[in-house]
Amino acid sequence: MPKPWVHQFRNRPDTEDVEALVLVEELDRPRRSLARKREDADGLVDGYILQSLDGRSRTAVYTWVQAGDPAAVQRHLQELSAEIYPRGKTR
């Protein structure tokens, strides 16, 4: 049965922080990174990286990654992910 997770999206320039309720399967956890292709921007990508995860309150906090070339954004997301999950720990 789906259970709610609260996703908080923070630090996006010129935008207020956003909080969203997301339904996921009971054992699923929020994704480590979220990225999207910008419309009419020649392949630029925006993205968020998971900053913290609280299983008790079921809250995932994401921080903004500046838009840029997809390869550069992906590299940045991976570097931030390595800081959050050192030595290959995924959860």
Protein backbone atom coordinates (compact mmCIF):
# COMPACT_ATOMS: atom_id res chain seq x y z
CA MET A 1 0.00 0.00 0.00
CA PRO A 2 1.40 3.44 -0.90
CA LYS A 3 2.57 5.60 2.01
CA PRO A 4 3.40 9.29 1.86
CA TRP A 5 6.86 10.83 1.89
CA VAL A 6 7.31 14.56 2.27
CA HIS A 7 9.78 15.91 -0.31
CA GLN A 8 11.29 19.32 0.46
CA PHE A 9 12.98 21.09 -2.45
CA ARG A 10 15.38 23.85 -1.37
CA ASN A 11 17.89 26.44 -2.60
CA ARG A 12 16.61 26.96 -6.14
CA PRO A 13 17.48 30.54 -7.18
CA ASP A 14 14.57 32.98 -7.46
CA THR A 15 12.14 30.35 -6.11
CA GLU A 16 10.74 29.73 -2.66
CA ASP A 17 11.41 26.37 -1.05
CA VAL A 18 8.70 23.84 -1.94
CA GLU A 19 7.25 20.94 0.01
CA ALA A 20 5.35 18.13 -1.73
CA LEU A 21 3.61 15.01 -0.48
CA VAL A 22 4.56 12.00 -2.62
CA LEU A 23 2.95 8.56 -2.42
CA VAL A 24 5.34 5.63 -2.84
CA GLU A 25 5.16 1.92 -2.20
CA GLU A 26 5.79 1.03 1.45
CA LEU A 27 9.38 -0.19 0.96
CA ASP A 28 10.39 2.39 -1.65
CA ARG A 29 12.52 5.36 -0.71
CA PRO A 30 12.96 8.69 -2.46
CA ARG A 31 15.39 8.82 -5.36
CA ARG A 32 18.92 10.12 -4.73
CA SER A 33 18.72 12.63 -7.55
CA LEU A 34 16.00 14.25 -9.63
CA ALA A 35 16.81 15.99 -12.89
CA ARG A 36 14.83 17.32 -15.82
CA LYS A 37 15.66 18.62 -19.26
CA ARG A 38 14.87 22.29 -19.75
CA GLU A 39 12.45 23.07 -22.54
CA ASP A 40 13.91 25.18 -25.36
CA ALA A 41 17.34 25.25 -23.72
CA ASP A 42 19.47 23.10 -26.05
CA GLY A 43 19.77 20.16 -23.67
CA LEU A 44 20.48 22.00 -20.40
CA VAL A 45 19.45 20.07 -17.33
CA ASP A 46 18.18 21.23 -13.92
CA GLY A 47 18.42 18.96 -10.93
CA TYR A 48 18.06 18.28 -7.22
CA ILE A 49 20.23 15.99 -5.10
CA LEU A 50 19.01 14.25 -1.96
CA GLN A 51 20.55 16.09 0.98
CA SER A 52 18.98 14.20 3.86
CA LEU A 53 16.49 11.42 4.50
CA ASP A 54 14.54 10.84 7.71
CA GLY A 55 12.78 7.48 7.76
CA ARG A 56 10.84 8.22 10.95
CA SER A 57 9.18 11.38 9.69
CA ARG A 58 9.34 10.10 6.08
CA THR A 59 10.91 13.35 4.93
CA ALA A 60 13.38 13.73 2.05
CA VAL A 61 15.21 17.04 1.67
CA TYR A 62 16.64 17.94 -1.74
CA THR A 63 18.99 20.78 -2.67
CA TRP A 64 19.19 22.51 -6.07
CA VAL A 65 21.97 21.89 -8.57
CA GLN A 66 22.60 24.74 -11.01
CA ALA A 67 21.48 24.10 -14.57
CA GLY A 68 24.10 23.27 -17.13
CA ASP A 69 25.29 20.77 -19.69
CA PRO A 70 23.81 17.32 -18.84
CA ALA A 71 27.25 15.71 -18.44
CA ALA A 72 28.41 18.46 -16.06
CA VAL A 73 25.20 18.33 -14.02
CA GLN A 74 25.40 14.53 -13.80
CA ARG A 75 29.02 14.74 -12.64
CA HIS A 76 28.02 17.30 -9.99
CA LEU A 77 25.09 15.14 -8.85
CA GLN A 78 27.44 12.16 -8.53
CA GLU A 79 29.98 14.18 -6.52
CA LEU A 80 27.30 15.43 -4.13
CA SER A 81 25.89 11.93 -3.88
CA ALA A 82 29.33 10.60 -2.93
CA GLU A 83 29.51 13.18 -0.12
CA ILE A 84 26.10 12.15 1.20
CA TYR A 85 26.65 8.39 0.77
CA PRO A 86 30.38 7.79 1.35
CA ARG A 87 32.04 4.47 0.52
CA GLY A 88 29.17 3.22 -1.63
CA LYS A 89 26.47 3.30 1.04
CA THR A 90 23.17 3.86 -0.72
CA ARG A 91 20.78 4.31 2.18
